[in-house]
Protein backbone atom coordinates (compact mmCIF):
# COMPACT_ATOMS: atom_id res chain seq x y z
CA MET A 1 -1.32 10.42 48.69
CA LYS A 2 1.27 8.26 50.42
CA ILE A 3 3.63 6.06 48.40
CA ALA A 4 1.98 2.94 49.79
CA GLU A 5 -1.42 4.24 48.66
CA VAL A 6 -0.04 4.98 45.18
CA LYS A 7 1.33 1.44 44.98
CA GLU A 8 -2.05 0.01 45.93
CA LEU A 9 -3.82 2.24 43.40
CA LEU A 10 -1.52 1.21 40.55
CA ALA A 11 -1.93 -2.46 41.43
CA GLY A 12 -5.56 -2.07 40.40
CA THR A 13 -7.21 -0.07 37.61
CA PRO A 14 -6.64 3.66 38.15
CA THR A 15 -8.73 6.19 36.24
CA ALA A 16 -7.28 8.50 33.59
CA GLU A 17 -7.66 11.42 36.00
CA GLN A 18 -5.75 9.60 38.73
CA LEU A 19 -2.93 8.73 36.32
CA ALA A 20 -2.73 12.33 35.11
CA GLU A 21 -2.43 13.51 38.71
CA LEU A 22 0.31 10.99 39.47
CA ARG A 23 2.31 12.08 36.42
CA LEU A 24 2.48 15.56 37.93
CA ASP A 25 3.78 14.20 41.22
CA ALA A 26 7.50 14.99 41.38
CA ARG A 27 8.38 12.33 43.96
CA ALA A 28 10.87 9.81 42.60
CA GLY A 29 9.03 6.93 44.29
CA VAL A 30 5.79 7.83 42.53
CA GLN A 31 7.49 8.11 39.13
CA LYS A 32 9.19 4.77 39.65
CA LEU A 33 5.83 3.14 40.41
CA LEU A 34 4.31 4.80 37.35
CA ALA A 35 7.10 3.48 35.14
CA ALA A 36 6.57 -0.04 36.48
CA TYR A 37 2.81 0.30 35.91
CA THR A 38 3.35 1.43 32.30
CA LYS A 39 5.76 -1.43 31.68
CA ARG A 40 3.28 -3.95 33.13
CA LEU A 41 0.48 -2.63 30.88
CA ALA A 42 2.72 -2.88 27.81
CA ALA A 43 3.70 -6.45 28.69
CA GLU A 44 0.06 -7.38 29.24
CA ALA A 45 -0.94 -5.86 25.89
CA ALA A 46 1.82 -7.80 24.14
CA GLU A 47 0.73 -11.02 25.83
CA ARG A 48 -2.90 -10.46 24.85
CA ASP A 49 -1.78 -10.00 21.26
CA ARG A 50 0.36 -13.17 21.42
CA LEU A 51 -2.55 -15.18 22.81
CA LEU A 52 -4.86 -13.76 20.14
CA HIS A 53 -2.54 -15.08 17.42
CA PHE A 54 -1.94 -18.29 19.35
CA GLN A 55 -5.50 -19.18 18.34
CA ASP A 56 -5.02 -18.40 14.64
CA LEU A 57 -5.09 -22.09 13.68
CA GLU A 58 -8.30 -22.60 15.62
CA ARG A 59 -9.72 -19.41 14.09
CA ARG A 60 -9.43 -20.89 10.59
CA TYR A 61 -11.95 -23.52 11.64
CA TRP A 62 -14.16 -21.05 13.52
CA GLU A 63 -14.45 -19.03 10.31
CA GLN A 64 -15.83 -22.18 8.64
CA GLY A 65 -18.50 -22.48 11.34
CA LEU A 66 -16.59 -25.18 13.25
CA ASN A 67 -16.66 -23.51 16.63
CA GLN A 68 -15.53 -26.34 18.90
CA VAL A 69 -11.88 -27.02 18.04
CA ALA A 70 -10.01 -29.44 20.30
CA GLY A 71 -6.29 -29.72 20.83
CA THR A 72 -4.66 -32.90 22.09
CA ASP A 73 -1.18 -33.75 23.36
CA GLU A 74 0.58 -36.27 25.60
CA ALA A 75 3.20 -36.43 28.33
CA GLY A 76 5.38 -39.42 29.07
CA ARG A 77 6.50 -41.05 25.81
CA GLY A 78 10.16 -41.19 26.74
CA PRO A 79 10.32 -42.19 30.43
CA LEU A 80 11.24 -45.67 31.58
CA ALA A 81 8.55 -45.60 34.24
CA GLY A 82 5.15 -44.16 34.95
CA PRO A 83 2.00 -43.78 32.86
CA LEU A 84 1.44 -42.17 29.51
CA VAL A 85 -0.92 -39.25 30.14
CA THR A 86 -2.84 -37.64 27.29
CA ALA A 87 -5.22 -34.69 27.36
CA ALA A 88 -7.68 -33.02 25.00
CA VAL A 89 -8.92 -29.46 25.51
CA ILE A 90 -11.45 -27.20 23.80
CA LEU A 91 -10.82 -23.53 24.57
CA PRO A 92 -13.28 -20.66 24.10
CA HIS A 93 -12.89 -18.03 21.39
CA GLY A 94 -10.63 -15.65 23.30
CA ILE A 95 -8.54 -16.61 26.33
CA TRP A 96 -6.51 -14.97 29.07
CA LEU A 97 -3.93 -17.58 30.00
CA PRO A 98 -0.67 -15.61 30.40
CA GLY A 99 2.39 -17.68 29.64
CA LEU A 100 0.49 -20.48 27.90
CA ASN A 101 2.92 -22.42 25.72
CA ASP A 102 4.40 -25.85 25.15
CA SER A 103 4.54 -27.25 28.69
CA LYS A 104 8.30 -27.86 28.42
CA LYS A 105 8.82 -24.10 28.00
CA VAL A 106 6.77 -23.14 31.07
CA ARG A 107 8.30 -23.16 34.54
CA PRO A 108 6.77 -25.78 36.88
CA ALA A 109 5.11 -23.29 39.26
CA ARG A 110 3.39 -21.52 36.35
CA ARG A 111 2.31 -24.87 34.87
CA GLU A 112 0.49 -25.62 38.10
CA GLU A 113 -1.27 -22.25 37.98
CA LEU A 114 -2.14 -22.67 34.30
CA TYR A 115 -3.64 -26.08 35.03
CA ASP A 116 -6.29 -24.44 37.23
CA GLU A 117 -6.79 -21.50 34.87
CA ILE A 118 -7.28 -23.82 31.88
CA LEU A 119 -9.86 -25.86 33.79
CA ASP A 120 -11.63 -22.63 34.72
CA GLN A 121 -11.74 -21.19 31.19
CA ALA A 122 -11.95 -24.29 28.97
CA VAL A 123 -15.12 -25.51 27.31
CA ALA A 124 -14.14 -29.17 27.81
CA VAL A 125 -11.17 -31.16 29.14
CA THR A 126 -10.48 -34.91 29.15
CA VAL A 127 -7.48 -36.95 30.29
CA THR A 128 -6.48 -40.54 29.48
CA ILE A 129 -4.00 -42.46 31.64
CA LEU A 130 -2.35 -45.64 30.30
CA GLY A 131 -0.15 -47.88 32.42
CA PRO A 132 3.07 -49.72 31.53
CA ARG A 133 1.32 -52.94 30.54
CA GLU A 134 -0.78 -51.16 27.94
CA ILE A 135 2.26 -49.23 26.67
CA ASP A 136 4.27 -52.45 26.33
CA ALA A 137 1.41 -54.25 24.57
CA LEU A 138 0.65 -51.49 22.05
CA ASN A 139 4.10 -49.81 21.73
CA ILE A 140 4.40 -46.18 22.76
CA TYR A 141 3.41 -44.69 19.39
CA GLN A 142 0.20 -46.70 19.14
CA ALA A 143 -0.50 -46.07 22.83
CA ALA A 144 -0.27 -42.32 22.26
CA LYS A 145 -2.44 -42.58 19.15
CA TRP A 146 -5.11 -44.60 20.97
CA SER A 147 -5.01 -42.24 23.94
CA MET A 148 -5.45 -39.10 21.85
CA THR A 149 -8.36 -40.67 20.01
CA ASN A 150 -9.91 -41.74 23.30
CA CYS A 151 -9.57 -38.24 24.77
CA LEU A 152 -11.19 -36.61 21.74
CA ASN A 153 -14.03 -39.14 21.76
CA HIS A 154 -14.81 -38.47 25.43
CA LEU A 155 -14.90 -34.67 25.45
CA SER A 156 -18.06 -33.43 27.16
CA THR A 157 -18.63 -31.08 24.21
CA PRO A 158 -18.14 -32.98 20.93
CA PRO A 159 -15.36 -31.36 18.88
CA GLN A 160 -16.06 -30.22 15.33
CA ALA A 161 -12.35 -30.24 14.43
CA ALA A 162 -9.16 -31.33 16.16
CA LEU A 163 -5.51 -30.33 16.21
CA THR A 164 -2.83 -32.80 17.33
CA ASP A 165 0.83 -32.53 18.18
CA ALA A 166 2.35 -34.45 15.26
CA MET A 167 -0.07 -37.38 15.46
CA PRO A 168 -2.15 -38.32 12.38
CA LEU A 169 -5.60 -39.45 13.50
CA THR A 170 -8.80 -40.54 11.82
CA LEU A 171 -11.86 -40.28 14.04
CA ALA A 172 -15.06 -42.26 13.59
CA SER A 173 -17.00 -39.00 13.76
CA GLY A 174 -15.33 -37.91 10.51
CA ILE A 175 -14.32 -34.46 11.80
CA PRO A 176 -11.23 -32.84 10.27
CA VAL A 177 -8.03 -33.60 12.20
CA GLU A 178 -4.83 -31.65 11.54
CA ASP A 179 -1.50 -32.92 12.86
CA LEU A 180 1.13 -30.25 13.46
CA VAL A 181 4.85 -30.66 14.09
CA LYS A 182 5.62 -28.76 17.31
CA GLY A 183 1.91 -28.17 17.57
CA ASP A 184 2.14 -27.24 21.24
CA SER A 185 4.07 -24.12 20.17
CA LYS A 186 1.61 -23.25 17.38
CA SER A 187 -1.86 -23.86 18.82
CA ALA A 188 -3.31 -22.65 22.12
CA ALA A 189 -5.57 -25.69 22.37
CA ILE A 190 -2.67 -28.12 21.94
CA ALA A 191 -0.55 -26.11 24.39
CA ALA A 192 -3.38 -26.24 26.94
CA ALA A 193 -3.61 -30.01 26.48
CA SER A 194 0.15 -30.31 26.97
CA ILE A 195 -0.10 -28.40 30.27
CA ILE A 196 -2.97 -30.57 31.53
CA ALA A 197 -1.16 -33.78 30.54
CA LYS A 198 2.21 -32.70 31.98
CA VAL A 199 0.86 -31.49 35.33
CA THR A 200 -1.33 -34.58 35.72
CA ARG A 201 1.60 -36.88 35.02
CA ASP A 202 4.05 -35.00 37.23
CA ARG A 203 1.63 -35.21 40.14
CA LEU A 204 1.24 -38.95 39.62
CA LEU A 205 5.02 -39.43 39.63
CA VAL A 206 5.32 -37.52 42.89
CA GLU A 207 2.77 -39.93 44.36
CA LEU A 208 4.73 -42.90 43.00
CA ASP A 209 7.89 -41.49 44.55
CA ALA A 210 6.31 -41.84 47.98
CA GLN A 211 5.62 -45.54 47.26
CA TYR A 212 8.98 -46.28 45.60
CA PRO A 213 11.48 -43.75 47.00
CA GLN A 214 14.53 -45.70 45.83
CA TYR A 215 14.04 -44.61 42.21
CA GLY A 216 13.77 -40.83 42.66
CA PHE A 217 10.61 -40.44 40.57
CA ALA A 218 9.77 -37.00 42.02
CA ALA A 219 13.03 -35.59 40.67
CA HIS A 220 13.28 -37.10 37.18
CA LYS A 221 9.65 -38.10 36.55
CA GLY A 222 10.65 -41.57 35.32
CA TYR A 223 13.18 -40.53 32.69
CA GLY A 224 16.34 -42.56 32.18
CA VAL A 225 18.84 -40.45 34.10
CA SER A 226 21.90 -42.29 35.40
CA THR A 227 20.72 -42.47 39.02
CA HIS A 228 17.42 -44.00 37.86
CA VAL A 229 19.11 -46.62 35.69
CA GLU A 230 21.48 -47.47 38.54
CA ALA A 231 18.51 -47.94 40.89
CA ILE A 232 16.77 -50.26 38.41
CA LEU A 233 19.88 -52.42 38.01
CA ARG A 234 20.42 -52.46 41.77
CA ASP A 235 16.86 -53.01 43.04
CA GLY A 236 15.04 -54.28 39.97
CA PRO A 237 12.01 -52.63 38.37
CA CYS A 238 8.80 -51.71 40.20
CA PRO A 239 5.30 -52.33 38.80
CA TRP A 240 5.35 -48.94 37.08
CA HIS A 241 8.43 -49.64 34.97
CA ARG A 242 7.94 -50.39 31.28
CA GLY A 243 9.11 -53.84 30.24
CA SER A 244 9.69 -52.82 26.60
CA TYR A 245 12.16 -50.08 27.58
CA GLU A 246 15.85 -50.54 28.27
CA PRO A 247 17.49 -51.51 30.57
CA ILE A 248 14.42 -53.41 31.82
CA LYS A 249 13.92 -55.23 28.51
CA THR A 250 17.42 -56.77 28.56
CA HIS A 251 18.07 -57.20 32.27
CA PHE A 252 14.56 -58.13 33.42
CA PRO A 253 12.91 -59.86 30.43
CA GLN A 254 10.14 -61.42 32.57
CA HIS A 255 9.04 -58.08 34.00
CA GLN A 256 5.40 -57.15 33.46
CA GLY A 257 4.23 -53.72 34.44
CA ILE A 258 0.97 -52.74 36.11
CA SER A 259 -2.19 -52.35 34.03
CA GLU A 260 -3.94 -48.98 34.11
CA GLU A 261 -6.52 -47.47 31.79
CA LYS A 262 -8.46 -44.43 32.95
CA THR A 263 -10.46 -41.75 31.21
CA LEU A 264 -11.11 -38.61 33.26
CA VAL A 265 -13.66 -36.05 32.11
CA LEU A 266 -12.38 -33.01 34.02
CA LYS A 267 -14.84 -30.55 32.49
């Protein structure tokens, strides 16, 4: 068997007999490919174990007969511009989402891939988008609280319990809601919601960058970096800037941001 054929074989699922034959092959290239294959299998096994335990919090509810456990999280509390995007996700019992974690700990390219994989595997996914006017009217904490509640209430499969990232909630349905500090690092469902929210928001800011290139939204996603603040003071705020955030609040007290309220049932 040629080295290229061995590489192709090991990229798939070789049989025990094929592996035994390859182990007897003295060629250095074959042994190197075998070592890489073994390392990949070990890493995959470790990741499967991590993901199994990443659903331990959800499993506590499953064991009580509450099989549909939602996680909810938001993206965009801190930025000076752009929407607040919140997501809620119900995952199945058992997932294969390699690298799933708090969205801030996942590289952008993998976040994009996970977005599609979550939509493919999830039981239900909703997203809420709130604009600057709503954020300014409610304040960011209440806006996030309302958005999480709205997401949970609009899931296509009604949740029987919910996990939030450090946000106490009481739902009209009366289901148990558990708020967890750093929840997106403790619960797979919350982490999945953080990925959906982050990717959705980042895509929106890239679109806004095309409309308002002077602010650099695609690069900083609306956060208050020095170049962004300088652009606001130089050119004034755009409709997507938040009037209750500095420096807009002090320098442009009459500014009123655009109104936006959307609920997207993605699955």
